[in-house]
Amino acid sequence: QVQLVESGGGLVQPGGSLRLSCAVSGISVRWNPMAWYRQAPGYERELVASITLSGDTNYKDSVKERFTISTDNTKNTVSLQMNSLKPEDTAVYYCNHLTIYYKWGQGTQVTVSS
């Protein structure tokens, strides 16, 4: 059974940084394309960043140059480094497989506000 446990969210001022982490069990991040998603109140869940088996990364246009996705094969985790945060980045952030939507974790709340 695949389990996804996100952490690292919080309240941060505009321009600040956060690093999200997702502990993955049941599959290996080394052999699966992984992604971060987010859902803001009143909006659909959206893809924010993804990483392929070869390490290629892709980002939603609005987060390019600010967010960086990475994996740690030894810890079996997926991380999202978020810099220069904006109020519009406020959302609950989730990790999951890029194409197979396993049961969603509880997510981690990111709030960007002064």
C-alpha atoms as a PDB file:
ATOM      1  CA  GLN A   1       0.000   0.000   0.000  1.00  0.00           C
ATOM      2  CA  VAL A   2       1.352   3.374  -1.006  1.00  0.00           C
ATOM      3  CA  GLN A   3       1.480   6.054   1.667  1.00  0.00           C
ATOM      4  CA  LEU A   4       2.333   9.702   1.171  1.00  0.00           C
ATOM      5  CA  VAL A   5       3.052  11.959   4.138  1.00  0.00           C
ATOM      6  CA  GLU A   6       3.705  15.629   3.463  1.00  0.00           C
ATOM      7  CA  SER A   7       5.333  18.052   5.892  1.00  0.00           C
ATOM      8  CA  GLY A   8       7.128  21.376   6.067  1.00  0.00           C
ATOM      9  CA  GLY A   9       4.351  23.835   5.424  1.00  0.00           C
ATOM     10  CA  GLY A  10       3.618  26.907   7.495  1.00  0.00           C
ATOM     11  CA  LEU A  11       3.001  30.634   7.538  1.00  0.00           C
ATOM     12  CA  VAL A  12       5.606  32.726   5.734  1.00  0.00           C
ATOM     13  CA  GLN A  13       5.821  36.332   4.632  1.00  0.00           C
ATOM     14  CA  PRO A  14       5.904  37.234   0.946  1.00  0.00           C
ATOM     15  CA  GLY A  15       9.402  36.739  -0.389  1.00  0.00           C
ATOM     16  CA  GLY A  16      10.157  34.016   2.128  1.00  0.00           C
ATOM     17  CA  SER A  17      11.085  30.391   1.613  1.00  0.00           C
ATOM     18  CA  LEU A  18       9.849  26.980   2.679  1.00  0.00           C
ATOM     19  CA  ARG A  19      10.998  23.448   2.003  1.00  0.00           C
ATOM     20  CA  LEU A  20       8.325  20.784   1.759  1.00  0.00           C
ATOM     21  CA  SER A  21       9.075  17.115   2.180  1.00  0.00           C
ATOM     22  CA  CYS A  22       7.063  14.028   1.300  1.00  0.00           C
ATOM     23  CA  ALA A  23       7.839  10.672   2.865  1.00  0.00           C
ATOM     24  CA  VAL A  24       6.874   7.943   0.416  1.00  0.00           C
ATOM     25  CA  SER A  25       6.327   4.282   1.266  1.00  0.00           C
ATOM     26  CA  GLY A  26       5.098   1.417  -0.886  1.00  0.00           C
ATOM     27  CA  ILE A  27       6.894   2.567  -4.053  1.00  0.00           C
ATOM     28  CA  SER A  28      10.409   3.736  -4.800  1.00  0.00           C
ATOM     29  CA  VAL A  29      10.851   7.340  -5.888  1.00  0.00           C
ATOM     30  CA  ARG A  30      13.915   6.123  -7.817  1.00  0.00           C
ATOM     31  CA  TRP A  31      11.684   4.207 -10.229  1.00  0.00           C
ATOM     32  CA  ASN A  32       8.606   6.383 -10.373  1.00  0.00           C
ATOM     33  CA  PRO A  33       7.946   9.867 -11.746  1.00  0.00           C
ATOM     34  CA  MET A  34       6.771  12.008  -8.860  1.00  0.00           C
ATOM     35  CA  ALA A  35       5.083  15.356  -8.543  1.00  0.00           C
ATOM     36  CA  TRP A  36       3.861  18.074  -6.224  1.00  0.00           C
ATOM     37  CA  TYR A  37       0.326  19.376  -6.512  1.00  0.00           C
ATOM     38  CA  ARG A  38      -1.543  22.133  -4.707  1.00  0.00           C
ATOM     39  CA  GLN A  39      -5.106  23.096  -4.060  1.00  0.00           C
ATOM     40  CA  ALA A  40      -6.197  26.565  -3.052  1.00  0.00           C
ATOM     41  CA  PRO A  41      -9.635  27.222  -1.544  1.00  0.00           C
ATOM     42  CA  GLY A  42     -12.287  27.224  -4.256  1.00  0.00           C
ATOM     43  CA  TYR A  43      -9.919  25.889  -6.913  1.00  0.00           C
ATOM     44  CA  GLU A  44      -9.162  22.524  -8.447  1.00  0.00           C
ATOM     45  CA  ARG A  45      -6.027  20.658  -7.460  1.00  0.00           C
ATOM     46  CA  GLU A  46      -3.248  21.559  -9.889  1.00  0.00           C
ATOM     47  CA  LEU A  47       0.131  20.196 -10.869  1.00  0.00           C
ATOM     48  CA  VAL A  48       2.967  22.390  -9.650  1.00  0.00           C
ATOM     49  CA  ALA A  49       6.167  20.462 -10.343  1.00  0.00           C
ATOM     50  CA  SER A  50       7.246  17.040 -11.536  1.00  0.00           C
ATOM     51  CA  ILE A  51      10.400  14.972 -11.838  1.00  0.00           C
ATOM     52  CA  THR A  52      10.957  12.043 -14.169  1.00  0.00           C
ATOM     53  CA  LEU A  53      13.045   8.894 -13.763  1.00  0.00           C
ATOM     54  CA  SER A  54      15.912  10.585 -15.582  1.00  0.00           C
ATOM     55  CA  GLY A  55      15.736  13.598 -13.310  1.00  0.00           C
ATOM     56  CA  ASP A  56      14.096  15.931 -15.793  1.00  0.00           C
ATOM     57  CA  THR A  57      11.924  18.495 -14.063  1.00  0.00           C
ATOM     58  CA  ASN A  58       8.908  20.489 -15.173  1.00  0.00           C
ATOM     59  CA  TYR A  59       7.139  23.365 -13.477  1.00  0.00           C
ATOM     60  CA  LYS A  60       3.924  25.298 -13.670  1.00  0.00           C
ATOM     61  CA  ASP A  61       4.785  28.583 -15.380  1.00  0.00           C
ATOM     62  CA  SER A  62       3.977  30.698 -12.345  1.00  0.00           C
ATOM     63  CA  VAL A  63       6.518  28.877 -10.146  1.00  0.00           C
ATOM     64  CA  LYS A  64       9.389  28.519 -12.608  1.00  0.00           C
ATOM     65  CA  GLU A  65      12.672  29.941 -11.308  1.00  0.00           C
ATOM     66  CA  ARG A  66      11.224  29.938  -7.767  1.00  0.00           C
ATOM     67  CA  PHE A  67      10.448  26.276  -6.968  1.00  0.00           C
ATOM     68  CA  THR A  68      12.738  23.259  -7.221  1.00  0.00           C
ATOM     69  CA  ILE A  69      11.608  19.636  -6.995  1.00  0.00           C
ATOM     70  CA  SER A  70      14.027  16.883  -6.026  1.00  0.00           C
ATOM     71  CA  THR A  71      14.097  13.321  -4.756  1.00  0.00           C
ATOM     72  CA  ASP A  72      16.283  11.517  -2.244  1.00  0.00           C
ATOM     73  CA  ASN A  73      16.516   7.891  -3.268  1.00  0.00           C
ATOM     74  CA  THR A  74      18.110   6.781  -0.001  1.00  0.00           C
ATOM     75  CA  LYS A  75      15.395   8.334   2.150  1.00  0.00           C
ATOM     76  CA  ASN A  76      12.644   7.724  -0.433  1.00  0.00           C
ATOM     77  CA  THR A  77      11.420  11.281  -0.183  1.00  0.00           C
ATOM     78  CA  VAL A  78      10.323  13.994  -2.574  1.00  0.00           C
ATOM     79  CA  SER A  79      11.073  17.618  -1.711  1.00  0.00           C
ATOM     80  CA  LEU A  80       9.926  20.986  -2.973  1.00  0.00           C
ATOM     81  CA  GLN A  81      12.108  23.995  -2.272  1.00  0.00           C
ATOM     82  CA  MET A  82      10.007  27.133  -2.579  1.00  0.00           C
ATOM     83  CA  ASN A  83      11.666  30.536  -2.743  1.00  0.00           C
ATOM     84  CA  SER A  84      10.352  34.051  -3.311  1.00  0.00           C
ATOM     85  CA  LEU A  85       6.922  32.955  -2.150  1.00  0.00           C
ATOM     86  CA  LYS A  86       3.888  34.983  -3.165  1.00  0.00           C
ATOM     87  CA  PRO A  87       0.412  35.222  -1.621  1.00  0.00           C
ATOM     88  CA  GLU A  88      -0.955  33.350  -4.647  1.00  0.00           C
ATOM     89  CA  ASP A  89       1.155  30.339  -3.638  1.00  0.00           C
ATOM     90  CA  THR A  90      -1.117  29.868  -0.620  1.00  0.00           C
ATOM     91  CA  ALA A  91      -2.623  26.390  -0.834  1.00  0.00           C
ATOM     92  CA  VAL A  92      -2.508  22.885   0.560  1.00  0.00           C
ATOM     93  CA  TYR A  93       0.399  21.070  -1.082  1.00  0.00           C
ATOM     94  CA  TYR A  94       0.379  17.357  -1.858  1.00  0.00           C
ATOM     95  CA  CYS A  95       2.824  14.934  -3.407  1.00  0.00           C
ATOM     96  CA  ASN A  96       1.855  11.953  -5.533  1.00  0.00           C
ATOM     97  CA  HIS A  97       2.875   9.906  -8.522  1.00  0.00           C
ATOM     98  CA  LEU A  98       2.845  11.920 -11.728  1.00  0.00           C
ATOM     99  CA  THR A  99       0.388   9.665 -13.563  1.00  0.00           C
ATOM    100  CA  ILE A 100      -0.998   7.154 -11.072  1.00  0.00           C
ATOM    101  CA  TYR A 101      -2.970   8.942  -8.395  1.00  0.00           C
ATOM    102  CA  TYR A 102      -2.439   6.934  -5.272  1.00  0.00           C
ATOM    103  CA  LYS A 103      -4.485   7.754  -2.195  1.00  0.00           C
ATOM    104  CA  TRP A 104      -3.777  11.369  -1.364  1.00  0.00           C
ATOM    105  CA  GLY A 105      -2.033  12.235   1.864  1.00  0.00           C
ATOM    106  CA  GLN A 106      -3.248  14.903   4.245  1.00  0.00           C
ATOM    107  CA  GLY A 107      -1.203  17.560   2.519  1.00  0.00           C
ATOM    108  CA  THR A 108       0.666  20.416   4.144  1.00  0.00           C
ATOM    109  CA  GLN A 109      -0.724  23.940   4.379  1.00  0.00           C
ATOM    110  CA  VAL A 110       1.341  26.784   2.975  1.00  0.00           C
ATOM    111  CA  THR A 111       0.149  30.279   3.785  1.00  0.00           C
ATOM    112  CA  VAL A 112       1.946  33.299   2.362  1.00  0.00           C
ATOM    113  CA  SER A 113       0.818  36.468   4.058  1.00  0.00           C
ATOM    114  CA  SER A 114       2.179  39.563   5.714  1.00  0.00           C
END
